[in-house]
Amino acid sequence: MAINVNTVYQTVLLIINKEQRGYITPDEFNKTATQVQLDTFEQYFDDLNQQLRVPQADFDYSDRQMNIDENMSIFKAIGNCLPKLNNNVVVPGAFNLPTIDLNTGDAVVYNDNPSANEVSFL
């Protein structure tokens, strides 16, 4: 997952800004919350990679790989990615994104305002 350099720069400026004395604007809060969410999301992959290298217990309640996978499951959707066509010719390396999550049957939308029975991937 690539992170924009400007986003990192703005976040660093926000963190080192000591003139506000504890007050942050809603925009600053949203930037910080977004950065924390990205860090948490990326940490799941590091944790899973580490757990794949160590022996696991046979009990479901102590299966660390399964626990990490459950945490990541809200970011997953299973669907058909069909090749993209241009004038009935397959475009090499291009695919249409899934529109239905085969796990839940919910519609997959690519915006930040999902309605009922929709999953948002933005």
N, C-alpha and C. Protein backbone atom coordinates (compact mmCIF):
# COMPACT_ATOMS: atom_id res chain seq x y z
N MET A 1 0.85 -1.16 0.00
CA MET A 1 0.00 0.00 0.00
C MET A 1 0.90 1.23 0.00
N ALA A 2 0.80 2.04 -1.03
CA ALA A 2 1.62 3.23 -1.15
C ALA A 2 1.01 4.37 -0.36
N ILE A 3 1.87 5.15 0.26
CA ILE A 3 1.42 6.31 1.03
C ILE A 3 1.97 7.55 0.36
N ASN A 4 1.11 8.53 0.18
CA ASN A 4 1.48 9.78 -0.45
C ASN A 4 2.47 10.52 0.45
N VAL A 5 3.54 11.06 -0.14
CA VAL A 5 4.57 11.78 0.62
C VAL A 5 3.96 13.01 1.30
N ASN A 6 3.06 13.68 0.61
CA ASN A 6 2.43 14.87 1.19
C ASN A 6 1.62 14.50 2.44
N THR A 7 0.95 13.35 2.42
CA THR A 7 0.18 12.91 3.58
C THR A 7 1.09 12.68 4.78
N VAL A 8 2.22 12.04 4.54
CA VAL A 8 3.19 11.80 5.62
C VAL A 8 3.72 13.14 6.14
N TYR A 9 4.04 14.05 5.23
CA TYR A 9 4.56 15.36 5.61
C TYR A 9 3.55 16.12 6.47
N GLN A 10 2.29 16.14 6.04
CA GLN A 10 1.25 16.85 6.81
C GLN A 10 1.04 16.20 8.18
N THR A 11 1.11 14.87 8.25
CA THR A 11 0.94 14.19 9.53
C THR A 11 2.09 14.51 10.47
N VAL A 12 3.30 14.53 9.96
CA VAL A 12 4.46 14.87 10.79
C VAL A 12 4.34 16.31 11.30
N LEU A 13 3.93 17.22 10.43
CA LEU A 13 3.74 18.60 10.87
C LEU A 13 2.68 18.69 11.96
N LEU A 14 1.62 17.91 11.81
CA LEU A 14 0.56 17.90 12.81
C LEU A 14 1.07 17.41 14.15
N ILE A 15 1.87 16.35 14.14
CA ILE A 15 2.37 15.76 15.38
C ILE A 15 3.34 16.70 16.09
N ILE A 16 4.20 17.38 15.34
CA ILE A 16 5.20 18.24 15.98
C ILE A 16 4.69 19.64 16.29
N ASN A 17 3.44 19.93 15.92
CA ASN A 17 2.87 21.24 16.21
C ASN A 17 2.54 21.33 17.70
N LYS A 18 3.36 22.07 18.45
CA LYS A 18 3.16 22.18 19.89
C LYS A 18 2.53 23.51 20.27
N GLU A 19 2.21 24.34 19.31
CA GLU A 19 1.64 25.64 19.58
C GLU A 19 0.16 25.55 19.95
N GLN A 20 -0.53 24.48 19.61
CA GLN A 20 -1.96 24.38 19.82
C GLN A 20 -2.33 24.04 21.27
N ARG A 21 -1.40 23.56 22.05
CA ARG A 21 -1.62 23.20 23.46
C ARG A 21 -2.75 22.21 23.64
N GLY A 22 -2.76 21.17 22.83
CA GLY A 22 -3.73 20.10 23.01
C GLY A 22 -4.97 20.22 22.16
N TYR A 23 -5.24 21.37 21.57
CA TYR A 23 -6.43 21.54 20.75
C TYR A 23 -6.13 21.10 19.32
N ILE A 24 -6.99 20.28 18.75
CA ILE A 24 -6.86 19.93 17.35
C ILE A 24 -8.20 20.16 16.66
N THR A 25 -8.12 20.56 15.42
CA THR A 25 -9.33 20.80 14.63
C THR A 25 -9.89 19.46 14.16
N PRO A 26 -11.15 19.44 13.73
CA PRO A 26 -11.70 18.19 13.20
C PRO A 26 -10.91 17.65 12.01
N ASP A 27 -10.39 18.53 11.16
CA ASP A 27 -9.60 18.09 10.02
C ASP A 27 -8.31 17.42 10.48
N GLU A 28 -7.65 18.01 11.48
CA GLU A 28 -6.44 17.40 12.03
C GLU A 28 -6.74 16.05 12.67
N PHE A 29 -7.87 15.97 13.38
CA PHE A 29 -8.28 14.70 13.98
C PHE A 29 -8.48 13.64 12.91
N ASN A 30 -9.16 14.00 11.82
CA ASN A 30 -9.40 13.04 10.73
C ASN A 30 -8.10 12.58 10.09
N LYS A 31 -7.15 13.49 9.91
CA LYS A 31 -5.85 13.10 9.34
C LYS A 31 -5.12 12.13 10.25
N THR A 32 -5.13 12.43 11.54
CA THR A 32 -4.46 11.56 12.50
C THR A 32 -5.14 10.20 12.58
N ALA A 33 -6.48 10.20 12.60
CA ALA A 33 -7.22 8.94 12.67
C ALA A 33 -6.97 8.09 11.43
N THR A 34 -6.91 8.71 10.26
CA THR A 34 -6.62 7.99 9.03
C THR A 34 -5.24 7.35 9.08
N GLN A 35 -4.25 8.09 9.58
CA GLN A 35 -2.90 7.56 9.67
C GLN A 35 -2.83 6.39 10.64
N VAL A 36 -3.53 6.49 11.76
CA VAL A 36 -3.55 5.40 12.74
C VAL A 36 -4.22 4.16 12.15
N GLN A 37 -5.32 4.35 11.41
CA GLN A 37 -6.00 3.23 10.78
C GLN A 37 -5.10 2.54 9.76
N LEU A 38 -4.37 3.32 8.98
CA LEU A 38 -3.44 2.73 8.00
C LEU A 38 -2.34 1.94 8.71
N ASP A 39 -1.80 2.50 9.78
CA ASP A 39 -0.76 1.79 10.54
C ASP A 39 -1.29 0.48 11.10
N THR A 40 -2.50 0.50 11.65
CA THR A 40 -3.09 -0.71 12.21
C THR A 40 -3.31 -1.75 11.12
N PHE A 41 -3.84 -1.32 9.99
CA PHE A 41 -4.09 -2.22 8.86
C PHE A 41 -2.79 -2.86 8.38
N GLU A 42 -1.75 -2.07 8.22
CA GLU A 42 -0.47 -2.61 7.75
C GLU A 42 0.17 -3.52 8.78
N GLN A 43 -0.07 -3.27 10.07
CA GLN A 43 0.49 -4.11 11.12
C GLN A 43 -0.08 -5.52 11.08
N TYR A 44 -1.34 -5.67 10.64
CA TYR A 44 -1.93 -7.00 10.53
C TYR A 44 -1.09 -7.91 9.64
N PHE A 45 -0.58 -7.38 8.54
CA PHE A 45 0.21 -8.19 7.62
C PHE A 45 1.55 -8.60 8.23
N ASP A 46 2.17 -7.68 8.97
CA ASP A 46 3.42 -8.02 9.64
C ASP A 46 3.18 -9.09 10.71
N ASP A 47 2.09 -8.94 11.46
CA ASP A 47 1.77 -9.93 12.50
C ASP A 47 1.48 -11.30 11.90
N LEU A 48 0.73 -11.33 10.80
CA LEU A 48 0.41 -12.60 10.15
C LEU A 48 1.67 -13.25 9.61
N ASN A 49 2.55 -12.47 9.01
CA ASN A 49 3.80 -13.00 8.48
C ASN A 49 4.63 -13.61 9.61
N GLN A 50 4.66 -12.96 10.75
CA GLN A 50 5.42 -13.50 11.89
C GLN A 50 4.78 -14.79 12.41
N GLN A 51 3.45 -14.83 12.47
CA GLN A 51 2.77 -16.02 13.00
C GLN A 51 2.87 -17.21 12.05
N LEU A 52 3.04 -16.97 10.77
CA LEU A 52 3.19 -18.06 9.82
C LEU A 52 4.53 -18.78 10.00
N ARG A 53 5.46 -18.17 10.70
CA ARG A 53 6.79 -18.75 10.89
C ARG A 53 6.91 -19.58 12.16
N VAL A 54 5.94 -19.50 13.07
CA VAL A 54 6.04 -20.23 14.33
C VAL A 54 4.98 -21.32 14.39
N PRO A 55 5.24 -22.40 15.14
CA PRO A 55 4.24 -23.46 15.26
C PRO A 55 2.97 -22.94 15.93
N GLN A 56 1.83 -23.49 15.53
CA GLN A 56 0.55 -23.04 16.03
C GLN A 56 -0.09 -24.10 16.93
N ALA A 57 -0.94 -23.67 17.81
CA ALA A 57 -1.69 -24.57 18.69
C ALA A 57 -2.83 -25.21 17.90
N ASP A 58 -3.31 -26.33 18.40
CA ASP A 58 -4.42 -27.03 17.74
C ASP A 58 -5.78 -26.58 18.24
N PHE A 59 -5.81 -25.61 19.12
CA PHE A 59 -7.08 -25.15 19.69
C PHE A 59 -7.52 -23.87 18.98
N ASP A 60 -8.81 -23.80 18.63
CA ASP A 60 -9.32 -22.64 17.91
C ASP A 60 -9.19 -21.34 18.70
N TYR A 61 -9.41 -21.40 19.99
CA TYR A 61 -9.38 -20.17 20.78
C TYR A 61 -7.97 -19.60 20.92
N SER A 62 -6.95 -20.39 20.63
CA SER A 62 -5.58 -19.89 20.74
C SER A 62 -4.85 -19.90 19.40
N ASP A 63 -5.56 -20.03 18.32
CA ASP A 63 -4.95 -20.02 17.00
C ASP A 63 -4.70 -18.57 16.58
N ARG A 64 -3.46 -18.15 16.67
CA ARG A 64 -3.12 -16.75 16.40
C ARG A 64 -3.31 -16.38 14.94
N GLN A 65 -3.00 -17.31 14.04
CA GLN A 65 -3.21 -17.02 12.61
C GLN A 65 -4.68 -16.77 12.32
N MET A 66 -5.55 -17.60 12.91
CA MET A 66 -6.98 -17.44 12.68
C MET A 66 -7.47 -16.12 13.29
N ASN A 67 -6.95 -15.75 14.46
CA ASN A 67 -7.36 -14.50 15.10
C ASN A 67 -6.98 -13.29 14.25
N ILE A 68 -5.77 -13.30 13.69
CA ILE A 68 -5.35 -12.20 12.82
C ILE A 68 -6.18 -12.19 11.55
N ASP A 69 -6.46 -13.38 11.01
CA ASP A 69 -7.29 -13.45 9.81
C ASP A 69 -8.69 -12.91 10.06
N GLU A 70 -9.24 -13.17 11.24
CA GLU A 70 -10.56 -12.62 11.59
C GLU A 70 -10.51 -11.10 11.68
N ASN A 71 -9.42 -10.55 12.21
CA ASN A 71 -9.28 -9.10 12.27
C ASN A 71 -9.20 -8.49 10.87
N MET A 72 -8.57 -9.20 9.95
CA MET A 72 -8.42 -8.70 8.58
C MET A 72 -9.67 -8.95 7.73
N SER A 73 -10.59 -9.78 8.21
CA SER A 73 -11.72 -10.18 7.38
C SER A 73 -12.63 -9.02 6.98
N ILE A 74 -12.68 -7.96 7.78
CA ILE A 74 -13.52 -6.83 7.41
C ILE A 74 -12.97 -6.09 6.19
N PHE A 75 -11.71 -6.34 5.84
CA PHE A 75 -11.10 -5.70 4.68
C PHE A 75 -11.13 -6.61 3.45
N LYS A 76 -11.77 -7.77 3.56
CA LYS A 76 -11.76 -8.74 2.48
C LYS A 76 -13.11 -8.83 1.79
N ALA A 77 -13.06 -9.11 0.52
CA ALA A 77 -14.28 -9.42 -0.24
C ALA A 77 -13.86 -10.42 -1.31
N ILE A 78 -14.72 -11.37 -1.57
CA ILE A 78 -14.46 -12.35 -2.60
C ILE A 78 -15.43 -12.09 -3.74
N GLY A 79 -14.89 -11.95 -4.93
CA GLY A 79 -15.75 -11.69 -6.08
C GLY A 79 -15.03 -12.03 -7.37
N ASN A 80 -15.75 -11.94 -8.44
CA ASN A 80 -15.20 -12.25 -9.76
C ASN A 80 -14.58 -11.00 -10.37
N CYS A 81 -13.31 -11.09 -10.73
CA CYS A 81 -12.62 -10.01 -11.44
C CYS A 81 -12.49 -10.44 -12.89
N LEU A 82 -13.39 -9.99 -13.70
CA LEU A 82 -13.40 -10.37 -15.11
C LEU A 82 -12.47 -9.48 -15.91
N PRO A 83 -11.87 -10.01 -16.97
CA PRO A 83 -10.99 -9.19 -17.80
C PRO A 83 -11.74 -8.00 -18.40
N LYS A 84 -11.04 -6.89 -18.48
CA LYS A 84 -11.63 -5.68 -19.06
C LYS A 84 -11.60 -5.79 -20.58
N LEU A 85 -12.69 -5.42 -21.19
CA LEU A 85 -12.80 -5.48 -22.64
C LEU A 85 -12.86 -4.07 -23.23
N ASN A 86 -12.22 -3.92 -24.38
CA ASN A 86 -12.29 -2.68 -25.13
C ASN A 86 -12.61 -3.06 -26.57
N ASN A 87 -13.84 -2.78 -27.03
CA ASN A 87 -14.31 -3.18 -28.36
C ASN A 87 -14.20 -4.70 -28.54
N ASN A 88 -14.64 -5.44 -27.51
CA ASN A 88 -14.62 -6.90 -27.49
C ASN A 88 -13.22 -7.50 -27.58
N VAL A 89 -12.21 -6.73 -27.23
CA VAL A 89 -10.83 -7.21 -27.17
C VAL A 89 -10.35 -7.08 -25.73
N VAL A 90 -9.76 -8.15 -25.20
CA VAL A 90 -9.28 -8.16 -23.82
C VAL A 90 -8.11 -7.20 -23.69
N VAL A 91 -8.20 -6.30 -22.70
CA VAL A 91 -7.11 -5.38 -22.40
C VAL A 91 -6.12 -6.11 -21.50
N PRO A 92 -4.87 -6.30 -21.93
CA PRO A 92 -3.91 -7.07 -21.12
C PRO A 92 -3.66 -6.44 -19.75
N GLY A 93 -3.76 -7.25 -18.70
CA GLY A 93 -3.47 -6.81 -17.36
C GLY A 93 -4.53 -5.94 -16.72
N ALA A 94 -5.68 -5.76 -17.36
CA ALA A 94 -6.74 -4.92 -16.80
C ALA A 94 -7.96 -5.77 -16.46
N PHE A 95 -8.55 -5.50 -15.30
CA PHE A 95 -9.69 -6.27 -14.84
C PHE A 95 -10.76 -5.33 -14.31
N ASN A 96 -12.01 -5.76 -14.40
CA ASN A 96 -13.12 -5.05 -13.77
C ASN A 96 -13.18 -5.48 -12.31
N LEU A 97 -13.40 -4.54 -11.42
CA LEU A 97 -13.47 -4.85 -10.00
C LEU A 97 -14.77 -5.58 -9.68
N PRO A 98 -14.78 -6.42 -8.64
CA PRO A 98 -16.00 -7.15 -8.28
C PRO A 98 -17.13 -6.21 -7.88
N THR A 99 -18.35 -6.62 -8.17
CA THR A 99 -19.52 -5.83 -7.80
C THR A 99 -20.35 -6.51 -6.72
N ILE A 100 -20.14 -7.81 -6.50
CA ILE A 100 -20.87 -8.56 -5.48
C ILE A 100 -19.85 -9.33 -4.63
N ASP A 101 -19.97 -9.21 -3.29
CA ASP A 101 -19.14 -9.99 -2.38
C ASP A 101 -19.76 -11.37 -2.26
N LEU A 102 -19.04 -12.39 -2.72
CA LEU A 102 -19.57 -13.75 -2.71
C LEU A 102 -19.68 -14.33 -1.32
N ASN A 103 -18.97 -13.75 -0.32
CA ASN A 103 -19.10 -14.22 1.07
C ASN A 103 -20.44 -13.83 1.66
N THR A 104 -20.81 -12.58 1.49
CA THR A 104 -22.01 -12.06 2.15
C THR A 104 -23.18 -11.83 1.21
N GLY A 105 -22.91 -11.74 -0.09
CA GLY A 105 -23.96 -11.43 -1.05
C GLY A 105 -24.24 -9.94 -1.14
N ASP A 106 -23.48 -9.12 -0.41
CA ASP A 106 -23.67 -7.68 -0.45
C ASP A 106 -23.05 -7.08 -1.70
N ALA A 107 -23.58 -5.94 -2.12
CA ALA A 107 -23.01 -5.22 -3.25
C ALA A 107 -21.73 -4.53 -2.80
N VAL A 108 -20.72 -4.53 -3.65
CA VAL A 108 -19.46 -3.86 -3.36
C VAL A 108 -19.49 -2.51 -4.05
N VAL A 109 -19.32 -1.44 -3.27
CA VAL A 109 -19.29 -0.09 -3.84
C VAL A 109 -17.93 0.51 -3.57
N TYR A 110 -17.51 1.39 -4.42
CA TYR A 110 -16.19 1.99 -4.33
C TYR A 110 -16.33 3.48 -4.01
N ASN A 111 -17.02 3.75 -2.91
CA ASN A 111 -17.13 5.10 -2.37
C ASN A 111 -17.19 4.99 -0.86
N ASP A 112 -17.28 6.13 -0.18
CA ASP A 112 -17.27 6.08 1.29
C ASP A 112 -18.66 6.24 1.90
N ASN A 113 -19.72 6.04 1.11
CA ASN A 113 -21.07 6.15 1.62
C ASN A 113 -21.89 4.90 1.27
N PRO A 114 -21.56 3.75 1.87
CA PRO A 114 -22.35 2.56 1.55
C PRO A 114 -23.73 2.62 2.22
N SER A 115 -24.71 2.10 1.54
CA SER A 115 -26.04 2.00 2.15
C SER A 115 -26.23 0.60 2.69
N ALA A 116 -27.44 0.26 3.08
CA ALA A 116 -27.71 -1.08 3.61
C ALA A 116 -27.41 -2.13 2.54
N ASN A 117 -26.87 -3.25 2.97
CA ASN A 117 -26.50 -4.36 2.09
C ASN A 117 -25.44 -3.97 1.07
N GLU A 118 -24.56 -3.05 1.45
CA GLU A 118 -23.42 -2.68 0.59
C GLU A 118 -22.14 -2.72 1.43
N VAL A 119 -21.06 -3.06 0.77
CA VAL A 119 -19.72 -3.06 1.38
C VAL A 119 -18.91 -2.01 0.66
N SER A 120 -18.24 -1.14 1.41
CA SER A 120 -17.47 -0.07 0.81
C SER A 120 -16.00 -0.44 0.74
N PHE A 121 -15.43 -0.30 -0.43
CA PHE A 121 -13.99 -0.43 -0.64
C PHE A 121 -13.52 0.85 -1.31
N LEU A 122 -12.89 1.71 -0.53
CA LEU A 122 -12.42 2.96 -1.07
C LEU A 122 -10.94 3.07 -0.89
